[in-house]
Amino acid sequence: MQNHSNYKPGFTLLELLLVMAILTIVALTSREVYNGFAMGKNIDSVSKTIIFDLRVARSNAMSGQESNNWGIHFVNGGSDYYEFFSSPGAYAHASTSIKTTTYLSGGLSFLTPSEGNNLDIIFTGLSGTSSSATISVKSAQDQKNIIVNAEGLVN
């Protein structure tokens, strides 16, 4: 006796669509979590680079390199960046020598200095002192503050 069942192994269209919808939701959620994680790592990396550059500027000033003051000029504008420089005086001095220019990566910007403004942190030759300042870097989800005190110490 033969069995004439209409049963065919496989998945229905409805089952396949349901699985696709679930996978799409999981993928979108994972993407948002990853983007937040990556942006957090990015802001940490940029903050550490700025701290390193500030410490190098202070070290160069204290060692009397080029017999100049050393500092960093922060620019908050269309594209935020900072310039590592040496100068016999302030950043605007005619003999200022810009050593490097570093642009903030996508999604990051300066909160301090505020939009359209600049901030100079200059370490005085031999003493390494500076005026107190705070630099704030922000992303859509996070913010990091870098503090320079009057003795030139960077935290």
C-alpha atoms as a PDB file:
ATOM      1  CA  MET A   1       0.000   0.000   0.000  1.00  0.00           C
ATOM      2  CA  GLN A   2       1.391   3.387  -0.999  1.00  0.00           C
ATOM      3  CA  ASN A   3       1.228   6.527   1.121  1.00  0.00           C
ATOM      4  CA  HIS A   4       0.045   9.480  -0.994  1.00  0.00           C
ATOM      5  CA  SER A   5       0.836  12.261   1.468  1.00  0.00           C
ATOM      6  CA  ASN A   6       1.158  15.846   0.229  1.00  0.00           C
ATOM      7  CA  TYR A   7       3.838  16.540   2.837  1.00  0.00           C
ATOM      8  CA  LYS A   8       7.077  17.884   1.364  1.00  0.00           C
ATOM      9  CA  PRO A   9      10.035  18.647   3.618  1.00  0.00           C
ATOM     10  CA  GLY A  10      11.162  22.325   3.675  1.00  0.00           C
ATOM     11  CA  PHE A  11      10.195  25.757   4.930  1.00  0.00           C
ATOM     12  CA  THR A  12       7.198  27.850   4.066  1.00  0.00           C
ATOM     13  CA  LEU A  13       7.540  31.374   2.744  1.00  0.00           C
ATOM     14  CA  LEU A  14       6.096  32.731   5.977  1.00  0.00           C
ATOM     15  CA  GLU A  15       8.746  30.919   8.044  1.00  0.00           C
ATOM     16  CA  LEU A  16      11.540  32.244   5.840  1.00  0.00           C
ATOM     17  CA  LEU A  17      10.218  35.830   6.066  1.00  0.00           C
ATOM     18  CA  LEU A  18       9.943  35.575   9.842  1.00  0.00           C
ATOM     19  CA  VAL A  19      13.553  34.387  10.153  1.00  0.00           C
ATOM     20  CA  MET A  20      14.731  37.170   7.820  1.00  0.00           C
ATOM     21  CA  ALA A  21      12.896  39.791   9.915  1.00  0.00           C
ATOM     22  CA  ILE A  22      14.468  38.494  13.141  1.00  0.00           C
ATOM     23  CA  LEU A  23      17.959  38.461  11.580  1.00  0.00           C
ATOM     24  CA  THR A  24      17.473  42.033  10.328  1.00  0.00           C
ATOM     25  CA  ILE A  25      16.503  43.250  13.796  1.00  0.00           C
ATOM     26  CA  VAL A  26      19.499  41.498  15.380  1.00  0.00           C
ATOM     27  CA  ALA A  27      21.863  42.920  12.736  1.00  0.00           C
ATOM     28  CA  LEU A  28      20.611  46.496  13.183  1.00  0.00           C
ATOM     29  CA  THR A  29      20.867  46.255  16.959  1.00  0.00           C
ATOM     30  CA  SER A  30      24.375  44.804  16.731  1.00  0.00           C
ATOM     31  CA  ARG A  31      25.418  47.576  14.358  1.00  0.00           C
ATOM     32  CA  GLU A  32      24.303  50.291  16.790  1.00  0.00           C
ATOM     33  CA  VAL A  33      26.109  48.606  19.675  1.00  0.00           C
ATOM     34  CA  TYR A  34      29.274  48.251  17.586  1.00  0.00           C
ATOM     35  CA  ASN A  35      29.127  51.890  16.400  1.00  0.00           C
ATOM     36  CA  GLY A  36      28.832  53.069  20.003  1.00  0.00           C
ATOM     37  CA  PHE A  37      31.739  50.854  21.027  1.00  0.00           C
ATOM     38  CA  ALA A  38      33.901  51.989  18.090  1.00  0.00           C
ATOM     39  CA  MET A  39      33.132  55.671  18.747  1.00  0.00           C
ATOM     40  CA  GLY A  40      34.028  55.190  22.425  1.00  0.00           C
ATOM     41  CA  LYS A  41      37.364  53.686  21.422  1.00  0.00           C
ATOM     42  CA  ASN A  42      37.889  56.499  18.908  1.00  0.00           C
ATOM     43  CA  ILE A  43      37.326  59.262  21.475  1.00  0.00           C
ATOM     44  CA  ASP A  44      39.669  57.480  23.915  1.00  0.00           C
ATOM     45  CA  SER A  45      42.354  57.209  21.240  1.00  0.00           C
ATOM     46  CA  VAL A  46      42.068  60.871  20.194  1.00  0.00           C
ATOM     47  CA  SER A  47      42.127  62.026  23.842  1.00  0.00           C
ATOM     48  CA  LYS A  48      45.259  59.982  24.540  1.00  0.00           C
ATOM     49  CA  THR A  49      46.935  61.431  21.441  1.00  0.00           C
ATOM     50  CA  ILE A  50      46.139  64.992  22.537  1.00  0.00           C
ATOM     51  CA  ILE A  51      47.459  64.269  26.054  1.00  0.00           C
ATOM     52  CA  PHE A  52      50.633  62.794  24.562  1.00  0.00           C
ATOM     53  CA  ASP A  53      51.145  65.827  22.303  1.00  0.00           C
ATOM     54  CA  LEU A  54      50.605  68.226  25.224  1.00  0.00           C
ATOM     55  CA  ARG A  55      53.176  66.346  27.305  1.00  0.00           C
ATOM     56  CA  VAL A  56      55.677  66.387  24.437  1.00  0.00           C
ATOM     57  CA  ALA A  57      55.147  70.147  24.032  1.00  0.00           C
ATOM     58  CA  ARG A  58      55.780  70.663  27.754  1.00  0.00           C
ATOM     59  CA  SER A  59      58.859  68.435  27.650  1.00  0.00           C
ATOM     60  CA  ASN A  60      60.252  70.314  24.638  1.00  0.00           C
ATOM     61  CA  ALA A  61      59.684  73.647  26.399  1.00  0.00           C
ATOM     62  CA  MET A  62      61.339  72.451  29.617  1.00  0.00           C
ATOM     63  CA  SER A  63      64.373  71.110  27.781  1.00  0.00           C
ATOM     64  CA  GLY A  64      64.779  74.443  25.980  1.00  0.00           C
ATOM     65  CA  GLN A  65      64.462  72.861  22.564  1.00  0.00           C
ATOM     66  CA  GLU A  66      64.908  75.500  19.835  1.00  0.00           C
ATOM     67  CA  SER A  67      65.045  78.079  22.683  1.00  0.00           C
ATOM     68  CA  ASN A  68      61.295  78.525  22.247  1.00  0.00           C
ATOM     69  CA  ASN A  69      57.982  78.088  23.955  1.00  0.00           C
ATOM     70  CA  TRP A  70      56.050  75.047  22.774  1.00  0.00           C
ATOM     71  CA  GLY A  71      52.333  74.570  22.576  1.00  0.00           C
ATOM     72  CA  ILE A  72      49.202  73.408  20.870  1.00  0.00           C
ATOM     73  CA  HIS A  73      46.724  75.617  19.025  1.00  0.00           C
ATOM     74  CA  PHE A  74      43.174  74.118  19.078  1.00  0.00           C
ATOM     75  CA  VAL A  75      40.708  75.219  16.377  1.00  0.00           C
ATOM     76  CA  ASN A  76      36.959  74.567  16.567  1.00  0.00           C
ATOM     77  CA  GLY A  77      35.585  75.398  13.146  1.00  0.00           C
ATOM     78  CA  GLY A  78      34.267  73.660  10.036  1.00  0.00           C
ATOM     79  CA  SER A  79      36.694  70.812  10.640  1.00  0.00           C
ATOM     80  CA  ASP A  80      38.190  70.662  14.116  1.00  0.00           C
ATOM     81  CA  TYR A  81      41.960  70.278  14.367  1.00  0.00           C
ATOM     82  CA  TYR A  82      44.993  71.228  16.416  1.00  0.00           C
ATOM     83  CA  GLU A  83      48.501  72.365  15.562  1.00  0.00           C
ATOM     84  CA  PHE A  84      51.649  71.430  17.470  1.00  0.00           C
ATOM     85  CA  PHE A  85      54.015  74.435  17.340  1.00  0.00           C
ATOM     86  CA  SER A  86      57.079  76.195  18.719  1.00  0.00           C
ATOM     87  CA  SER A  87      57.320  79.957  19.035  1.00  0.00           C
ATOM     88  CA  PRO A  88      59.430  82.614  20.742  1.00  0.00           C
ATOM     89  CA  GLY A  89      56.164  84.091  22.045  1.00  0.00           C
ATOM     90  CA  ALA A  90      52.514  83.380  21.375  1.00  0.00           C
ATOM     91  CA  TYR A  91      51.013  81.339  18.540  1.00  0.00           C
ATOM     92  CA  ALA A  92      50.409  84.517  16.495  1.00  0.00           C
ATOM     93  CA  HIS A  93      54.128  85.441  16.569  1.00  0.00           C
ATOM     94  CA  ALA A  94      55.670  85.851  13.118  1.00  0.00           C
ATOM     95  CA  SER A  95      58.367  83.252  13.872  1.00  0.00           C
ATOM     96  CA  THR A  96      55.952  80.511  14.956  1.00  0.00           C
ATOM     97  CA  SER A  97      56.871  77.143  13.493  1.00  0.00           C
ATOM     98  CA  ILE A  98      54.010  74.659  13.068  1.00  0.00           C
ATOM     99  CA  LYS A  99      55.350  71.123  13.474  1.00  0.00           C
ATOM    100  CA  THR A 100      52.209  69.050  12.840  1.00  0.00           C
ATOM    101  CA  THR A 101      48.514  69.537  12.181  1.00  0.00           C
ATOM    102  CA  THR A 102      46.098  66.865  13.391  1.00  0.00           C
ATOM    103  CA  TYR A 103      42.434  66.742  12.365  1.00  0.00           C
ATOM    104  CA  LEU A 104      39.851  65.057  14.573  1.00  0.00           C
ATOM    105  CA  SER A 105      38.427  61.937  12.994  1.00  0.00           C
ATOM    106  CA  GLY A 106      34.832  61.696  11.808  1.00  0.00           C
ATOM    107  CA  GLY A 107      32.144  62.055  14.406  1.00  0.00           C
ATOM    108  CA  LEU A 108      34.406  63.864  16.895  1.00  0.00           C
ATOM    109  CA  SER A 109      34.590  67.579  17.587  1.00  0.00           C
ATOM    110  CA  PHE A 110      35.774  70.022  20.216  1.00  0.00           C
ATOM    111  CA  LEU A 111      33.263  71.148  22.794  1.00  0.00           C
ATOM    112  CA  THR A 112      35.956  73.383  24.308  1.00  0.00           C
ATOM    113  CA  PRO A 113      37.073  75.602  22.670  1.00  0.00           C
ATOM    114  CA  SER A 114      33.533  76.475  21.625  1.00  0.00           C
ATOM    115  CA  GLU A 115      32.388  76.601  18.011  1.00  0.00           C
ATOM    116  CA  GLY A 116      34.216  79.250  15.982  1.00  0.00           C
ATOM    117  CA  ASN A 117      36.876  79.822  18.640  1.00  0.00           C
ATOM    118  CA  ASN A 118      40.505  78.865  19.176  1.00  0.00           C
ATOM    119  CA  LEU A 119      42.468  77.936  22.284  1.00  0.00           C
ATOM    120  CA  ASP A 120      46.233  78.096  22.709  1.00  0.00           C
ATOM    121  CA  ILE A 121      48.034  76.116  25.366  1.00  0.00           C
ATOM    122  CA  ILE A 122      51.605  77.392  25.503  1.00  0.00           C
ATOM    123  CA  PHE A 123      54.288  75.920  27.746  1.00  0.00           C
ATOM    124  CA  THR A 124      56.946  78.432  28.749  1.00  0.00           C
ATOM    125  CA  GLY A 125      60.543  77.604  27.995  1.00  0.00           C
ATOM    126  CA  LEU A 126      62.528  75.932  30.820  1.00  0.00           C
ATOM    127  CA  SER A 127      59.741  76.127  33.446  1.00  0.00           C
ATOM    128  CA  GLY A 128      57.073  74.272  31.451  1.00  0.00           C
ATOM    129  CA  THR A 129      54.316  76.301  33.064  1.00  0.00           C
ATOM    130  CA  SER A 130      51.127  77.184  31.257  1.00  0.00           C
ATOM    131  CA  SER A 131      47.836  78.885  31.848  1.00  0.00           C
ATOM    132  CA  SER A 132      45.119  76.560  33.152  1.00  0.00           C
ATOM    133  CA  ALA A 133      42.851  75.211  30.418  1.00  0.00           C
ATOM    134  CA  THR A 134      40.391  72.453  29.636  1.00  0.00           C
ATOM    135  CA  ILE A 135      39.962  70.835  26.248  1.00  0.00           C
ATOM    136  CA  SER A 136      36.767  68.850  25.710  1.00  0.00           C
ATOM    137  CA  VAL A 137      36.387  66.351  22.890  1.00  0.00           C
ATOM    138  CA  LYS A 138      32.905  65.021  22.184  1.00  0.00           C
ATOM    139  CA  SER A 139      31.153  62.409  20.113  1.00  0.00           C
ATOM    140  CA  ALA A 140      27.432  61.776  19.795  1.00  0.00           C
ATOM    141  CA  GLN A 141      27.501  59.521  22.894  1.00  0.00           C
ATOM    142  CA  ASP A 142      30.491  60.575  24.973  1.00  0.00           C
ATOM    143  CA  GLN A 143      32.722  63.435  26.078  1.00  0.00           C
ATOM    144  CA  LYS A 144      36.310  63.501  27.363  1.00  0.00           C
ATOM    145  CA  ASN A 145      37.910  66.409  29.213  1.00  0.00           C
ATOM    146  CA  ILE A 146      41.645  67.067  29.183  1.00  0.00           C
ATOM    147  CA  ILE A 147      42.847  69.417  31.905  1.00  0.00           C
ATOM    148  CA  VAL A 148      46.100  71.375  31.912  1.00  0.00           C
ATOM    149  CA  ASN A 149      46.884  73.106  35.218  1.00  0.00           C
ATOM    150  CA  ALA A 150      49.021  76.212  35.830  1.00  0.00           C
ATOM    151  CA  GLU A 151      52.131  74.093  36.498  1.00  0.00           C
ATOM    152  CA  GLY A 152      51.743  72.578  33.027  1.00  0.00           C
ATOM    153  CA  LEU A 153      50.647  69.135  34.243  1.00  0.00           C
ATOM    154  CA  VAL A 154      48.242  67.353  31.925  1.00  0.00           C
ATOM    155  CA  ASN A 155      45.461  65.068  33.204  1.00  0.00           C
END
